[in-house]
Protein backbone atom coordinates (compact mmCIF):
# COMPACT_ATOMS: atom_id res chain seq x y z
CA MET A 1 81.41 102.24 86.81
CA LEU A 2 84.01 103.61 89.21
CA ASN A 3 81.73 103.33 92.23
CA SER A 4 81.31 99.59 91.65
CA PHE A 5 85.07 99.13 91.60
CA ILE A 6 85.48 101.24 94.74
CA ASP A 7 82.86 99.10 96.49
CA PHE A 8 84.84 96.01 95.44
CA ILE A 9 88.20 97.15 96.86
CA SER A 10 86.54 98.50 100.01
CA ALA A 11 84.29 95.55 100.87
CA GLN A 12 86.01 92.53 99.33
CA LYS A 13 89.68 93.52 99.15
CA ARG A 14 89.37 95.41 102.44
CA PHE A 15 91.71 98.19 101.37
CA SER A 16 92.22 100.98 103.88
CA GLU A 17 90.32 104.23 103.52
CA HIS A 18 93.53 106.03 102.56
CA THR A 19 94.26 103.47 99.81
CA VAL A 20 90.71 103.65 98.47
CA VAL A 21 90.94 107.44 98.14
CA ALA A 22 94.28 107.11 96.33
CA TYR A 23 92.90 104.45 93.95
CA ARG A 24 89.89 106.61 93.09
CA LYS A 25 92.09 109.61 92.28
CA ASP A 26 94.45 107.51 90.15
CA ILE A 27 91.67 105.99 88.08
CA GLU A 28 89.87 109.31 87.65
CA GLN A 29 93.15 110.79 86.43
CA PHE A 30 93.63 107.99 83.88
CA LEU A 31 90.03 108.10 82.67
CA GLU A 32 90.31 111.84 82.12
CA PHE A 33 93.56 111.37 80.18
CA ALA A 34 92.02 108.59 78.06
CA GLU A 35 88.77 110.58 77.62
CA ILE A 36 86.71 107.60 78.79
CA LYS A 37 83.14 108.42 79.74
CA ASN A 38 81.54 105.00 80.27
CA LEU A 39 82.36 101.38 81.00
CA ASP A 40 82.18 100.12 77.39
CA GLU A 41 84.90 102.54 76.31
CA CYS A 42 87.36 100.67 78.54
CA LYS A 43 87.36 97.96 75.86
CA GLU A 44 89.28 100.36 73.62
CA VAL A 45 92.15 100.85 76.07
CA ASN A 46 95.40 99.30 74.86
CA ALA A 47 99.01 99.17 76.01
CA ARG A 48 99.96 102.09 73.76
CA LEU A 49 97.44 104.37 75.48
CA ILE A 50 98.65 103.34 78.93
CA ARG A 51 102.28 103.93 77.93
CA GLY A 52 101.23 107.35 76.67
CA TRP A 53 99.82 108.10 80.11
CA MET A 54 103.08 106.96 81.71
CA VAL A 55 105.05 109.33 79.48
CA ASP A 56 102.65 112.17 80.28
CA LEU A 57 103.07 111.57 84.02
CA MET A 58 106.84 111.56 83.80
CA GLU A 59 106.86 114.69 81.67
CA GLU A 60 104.87 116.31 84.48
CA GLU A 61 107.76 115.26 86.75
CA TYR A 62 105.95 112.62 88.78
CA ALA A 63 108.42 110.49 90.73
CA THR A 64 108.94 106.96 89.42
CA GLN A 65 107.51 105.62 92.69
CA SER A 66 104.30 107.60 92.08
CA VAL A 67 104.04 106.39 88.46
CA ASN A 68 104.47 102.77 89.54
CA ARG A 69 101.84 103.21 92.26
CA LYS A 70 99.37 104.54 89.69
CA LEU A 71 100.16 101.61 87.38
CA SER A 72 99.51 99.24 90.28
CA THR A 73 96.09 100.86 90.63
CA LEU A 74 95.39 100.27 86.93
CA ARG A 75 96.45 96.63 87.23
CA THR A 76 93.88 96.07 89.95
CA PHE A 77 91.25 98.01 87.99
CA PHE A 78 91.70 96.14 84.68
CA LYS A 79 91.90 92.81 86.45
CA TRP A 80 88.53 93.63 87.98
CA LEU A 81 87.13 94.71 84.58
CA LYS A 82 88.12 91.36 83.09
CA LYS A 83 86.63 89.48 86.02
CA GLU A 84 83.38 91.39 85.50
CA GLY A 85 83.39 90.52 81.78
CA VAL A 86 83.74 94.12 80.63
CA ILE A 87 87.02 93.39 78.77
CA THR A 88 88.40 90.16 77.30
CA GLU A 89 92.09 91.08 77.30
CA ASN A 90 93.98 92.88 80.05
CA PRO A 91 96.21 95.57 78.47
CA MET A 92 98.27 95.84 81.67
CA LYS A 93 99.92 92.49 80.91
CA LEU A 94 102.12 94.29 78.39
CA ILE A 95 103.05 97.16 80.72
CA ARG A 96 106.23 97.49 82.73
CA GLY A 97 106.69 100.47 84.98
CA PRO A 98 109.78 102.68 85.14
CA LYS A 99 112.64 101.48 87.32
CA ASN A 100 112.45 102.97 90.79
CA ASN A 101 115.33 105.02 92.11
CA LYS A 102 116.47 103.36 95.31
CA ARG A 103 116.47 105.94 98.08
CA LEU A 104 117.43 105.12 101.63
CA PRO A 105 114.80 106.00 104.23
CA SER A 106 115.56 109.20 106.16
CA PHE A 107 116.04 108.77 109.90
CA VAL A 108 117.05 110.76 112.97
CA GLN A 109 120.29 110.15 114.85
CA GLN A 110 119.69 108.43 118.19
CA LYS A 111 121.34 111.13 120.32
CA GLN A 112 118.99 113.77 118.92
CA LEU A 113 115.99 111.92 120.37
CA SER A 114 117.31 111.63 123.91
CA ASP A 115 114.97 112.55 126.78
CA VAL A 116 117.21 115.49 127.62
CA ASN A 117 117.01 116.84 124.10
CA LEU A 118 113.23 116.38 123.81
CA SER A 119 112.21 117.53 127.30
CA THR A 120 112.46 121.24 126.47
CA ILE A 121 110.28 121.28 123.34
CA PHE A 122 106.98 120.01 124.77
CA SER A 123 104.78 122.08 127.07
CA ASP A 124 103.17 120.69 130.26
CA ASP A 125 99.56 121.45 129.27
CA PHE A 126 97.14 119.09 127.51
CA ASP A 127 98.44 119.88 124.02
CA GLY A 128 102.05 119.35 125.07
CA VAL A 129 101.39 116.04 126.84
CA ARG A 130 99.33 114.75 123.90
CA ASP A 131 101.93 115.86 121.37
CA ARG A 132 104.74 114.20 123.34
CA LEU A 133 102.68 111.00 123.40
CA MET A 134 102.09 111.23 119.63
CA PHE A 135 105.81 111.69 119.07
CA GLU A 136 106.84 108.85 121.39
CA LEU A 137 104.26 106.41 120.00
CA LEU A 138 105.55 107.01 116.48
CA TYR A 139 109.18 106.67 117.54
CA GLN A 140 108.91 103.89 120.13
CA THR A 141 106.49 101.62 118.22
CA GLY A 142 107.03 102.50 114.55
CA ILE A 143 103.31 102.72 113.82
CA ARG A 144 102.01 104.54 110.76
CA LEU A 145 100.20 107.89 110.88
CA SER A 146 96.84 106.25 110.10
CA GLU A 147 97.45 103.64 112.81
CA LEU A 148 98.25 106.36 115.33
CA ILE A 149 94.99 108.18 114.61
CA GLY A 150 93.08 104.88 114.71
CA LEU A 151 94.37 103.87 118.15
CA LYS A 152 91.53 103.39 120.62
CA GLU A 153 91.72 103.69 124.39
CA SER A 154 90.62 100.06 124.61
CA ASN A 155 93.62 99.02 122.44
CA VAL A 156 96.12 100.18 125.07
CA SER A 157 97.33 98.32 128.17
CA LYS A 158 100.27 98.89 130.51
CA SER A 159 102.55 96.60 128.53
CA GLN A 160 101.34 96.70 124.91
CA ILE A 161 99.19 98.32 122.24
CA LYS A 162 96.98 96.61 119.66
CA VAL A 163 97.28 98.18 116.24
CA LEU A 164 94.94 97.82 113.27
CA GLY A 165 97.19 97.98 110.24
CA LYS A 166 96.79 97.74 106.48
CA ARG A 167 93.90 95.57 105.27
CA ASN A 168 92.62 95.44 108.86
CA LYS A 169 95.47 93.19 110.00
CA GLU A 170 95.98 93.38 113.75
CA ARG A 171 99.35 93.26 115.46
CA ILE A 172 100.51 93.57 119.06
CA ILE A 173 103.42 95.87 119.90
CA PRO A 174 105.09 95.89 123.34
CA ILE A 175 105.67 99.27 124.96
CA SER A 176 108.23 100.53 127.48
CA ASN A 177 107.48 101.53 131.06
CA SER A 178 108.21 105.16 130.20
CA LEU A 179 105.70 105.11 127.33
CA SER A 180 103.11 103.43 129.57
CA GLU A 181 103.59 106.18 132.17
CA LEU A 182 103.22 108.85 129.50
CA ILE A 183 99.97 107.25 128.34
CA GLU A 184 98.61 107.33 131.90
CA LYS A 185 99.68 110.96 132.29
CA TYR A 186 97.86 111.82 129.06
CA LYS A 187 94.72 109.94 130.14
CA LEU A 188 94.54 112.08 133.28
CA GLU A 189 94.59 115.19 131.09
CA ARG A 190 92.07 113.65 128.70
CA ARG A 191 89.52 112.96 131.45
CA GLN A 192 89.15 116.70 132.03
CA LEU A 193 87.76 117.12 128.49
CA SER A 194 84.33 116.34 127.11
CA VAL A 195 85.22 113.37 124.91
CA SER A 196 82.63 111.13 123.27
CA THR A 197 84.98 109.07 121.09
CA ASP A 198 86.96 105.95 122.02
CA ALA A 199 89.94 107.28 120.05
CA LEU A 200 92.97 107.52 122.33
CA LEU A 201 94.38 110.74 120.91
CA VAL A 202 92.07 113.73 120.52
CA LEU A 203 92.12 117.46 120.00
CA LYS A 204 91.46 119.77 122.93
CA SER A 205 87.91 120.11 121.58
CA GLY A 206 87.42 116.37 122.14
CA LYS A 207 87.34 115.58 118.43
CA ILE A 208 89.49 112.90 116.81
CA LEU A 209 92.84 113.86 115.28
CA TYR A 210 93.24 114.30 111.52
CA PRO A 211 96.35 113.60 109.37
CA LYS A 212 97.34 117.20 108.56
CA PHE A 213 97.24 118.16 112.24
CA VAL A 214 99.59 115.33 113.21
CA TYR A 215 101.87 116.01 110.24
CA ARG A 216 102.23 119.71 111.13
CA ARG A 217 102.92 119.01 114.81
CA ILE A 218 105.51 116.30 114.16
CA ASN A 219 107.17 118.42 111.48
CA ASN A 220 107.48 121.27 113.97
CA TYR A 221 108.96 119.13 116.76
CA LEU A 222 111.43 117.45 114.42
CA SER A 223 112.54 120.92 113.31
CA LEU A 224 113.16 121.90 116.93
CA ALA A 225 114.96 118.72 117.99
CA THR A 226 116.82 117.48 114.92
CA ASP A 227 118.67 118.50 111.79
CA VAL A 228 116.97 116.07 109.38
CA LYS A 229 115.88 117.59 106.09
CA LYS A 230 112.77 115.46 105.68
CA LYS A 231 110.35 115.91 108.57
CA SER A 232 107.19 113.80 108.83
CA PRO A 233 105.56 111.14 111.01
CA HIS A 234 106.93 108.50 108.61
CA VAL A 235 110.50 109.63 109.36
CA LEU A 236 109.91 108.53 112.96
CA ARG A 237 108.78 105.11 111.67
CA HIS A 238 112.01 104.88 109.66
CA THR A 239 113.94 106.00 112.74
CA PHE A 240 112.31 103.33 114.91
CA ALA A 241 113.29 100.63 112.41
CA THR A 242 116.85 101.86 111.97
CA HIS A 243 117.51 102.22 115.70
CA MET A 244 116.05 98.77 116.38
CA LEU A 245 118.41 97.17 113.85
CA ASN A 246 121.39 99.21 115.05
CA ASN A 247 120.77 97.94 118.58
CA GLY A 248 120.52 94.25 117.69
CA ALA A 249 116.93 93.53 116.63
CA GLY A 250 116.47 90.83 113.97
CA LEU A 251 114.76 91.41 110.64
CA GLU A 252 111.97 88.93 111.33
CA VAL A 253 111.09 90.63 114.61
CA LEU A 254 111.21 94.06 112.99
CA LYS A 255 108.99 92.83 110.15
CA GLU A 256 106.29 91.82 112.64
CA LEU A 257 106.56 95.07 114.61
CA LEU A 258 106.26 97.20 111.46
CA GLY A 259 103.40 95.13 110.06
CA HIS A 260 105.16 94.43 106.76
CA ALA A 261 103.63 91.77 104.52
CA ASN A 262 107.01 90.45 103.41
CA LEU A 263 110.63 90.65 104.49
CA SER A 264 111.82 92.55 101.41
CA ALA A 265 110.03 95.67 102.65
CA THR A 266 111.97 95.45 105.92
CA GLN A 267 115.37 94.76 104.39
CA VAL A 268 115.71 98.34 103.11
CA TYR A 269 116.62 99.35 106.67
CA THR A 270 119.73 97.15 106.65
CA HIS A 271 121.33 99.74 104.36
CA ASN A 272 120.91 102.39 107.03
CA SER A 273 122.31 100.03 109.65
CA PHE A 274 125.35 99.27 107.53
CA ALA A 275 125.91 103.00 107.05
CA GLU A 276 125.83 103.41 110.83
CA LEU A 277 128.34 100.58 111.30
CA THR A 278 130.59 102.11 108.66
CA ALA A 279 130.52 105.46 110.46
CA ILE A 280 131.36 103.82 113.80
CA TYR A 281 134.21 101.88 112.20
CA SER A 282 135.63 105.05 110.64
CA GLN A 283 135.57 106.82 113.99
CA SER A 284 136.80 103.93 116.14
CA HIS A 285 139.39 101.88 114.30
CA PRO A 286 142.92 103.32 113.94
CA ARG A 287 143.04 102.39 110.27
CA GLY A 288 139.51 103.64 109.71
CA GLN A 289 140.50 107.09 110.96
CA GLN A 290 143.13 107.44 108.29
CA LYS A 291 142.07 109.44 105.26
């Protein structure tokens, strides 16, 4: 039952590998809660049972964002069940998720990411050059962790990178001269290794990077260079977006660079930009300095 659905979202919907894994876990969690063992038993699922699962999740202190993501998984699953003729009525039509708490994305102050501030935290050996490139790619292009790992040597030129984003959607992102030079410096180091993969970024063993490795490294460097509480590769994506807006980039341009499907996903960064403007006003205007 579940494998057929997974094949559907992988092959036809073209969901990313990360999304497919998340969907499988969500559905397995629901099926276990509902004590469903086979496909026919899905006919017995009703809105009351699904609401009971929502309550159970929230009592276990799942964030509202996580609960809504799991409900989104169920919507796709039950829509597929109806399409396949397994159920006649979709119980998810009667379900509304909990209201999300609006949290502003965390980002790093621009001065903390200056070349002077970063130059002392990366070593000059292969690991240091690669890690600096990882860090700069995340900050200078705003790509996601999965997109960073998926970058191929053939996707990189002196002026741009080609990124394969969600649902295999390609986008082109321009890069600075300094980032291009760093890529060339890294490639020189890379050629001294025995590498059989086309992946741009690799471990010293020649193997492709994996998410936990990148997360740990970026977390460490952010701890050394900044005072942000939340430290992850995604914070650098938020930082890229915020700094672009603060320095005059338009929302439509930023939307394309980030690979967002719609503008509403990009607009969240305007709150950070307004906060930055407010801080500048308070520091700069004579009336703003008065408390």
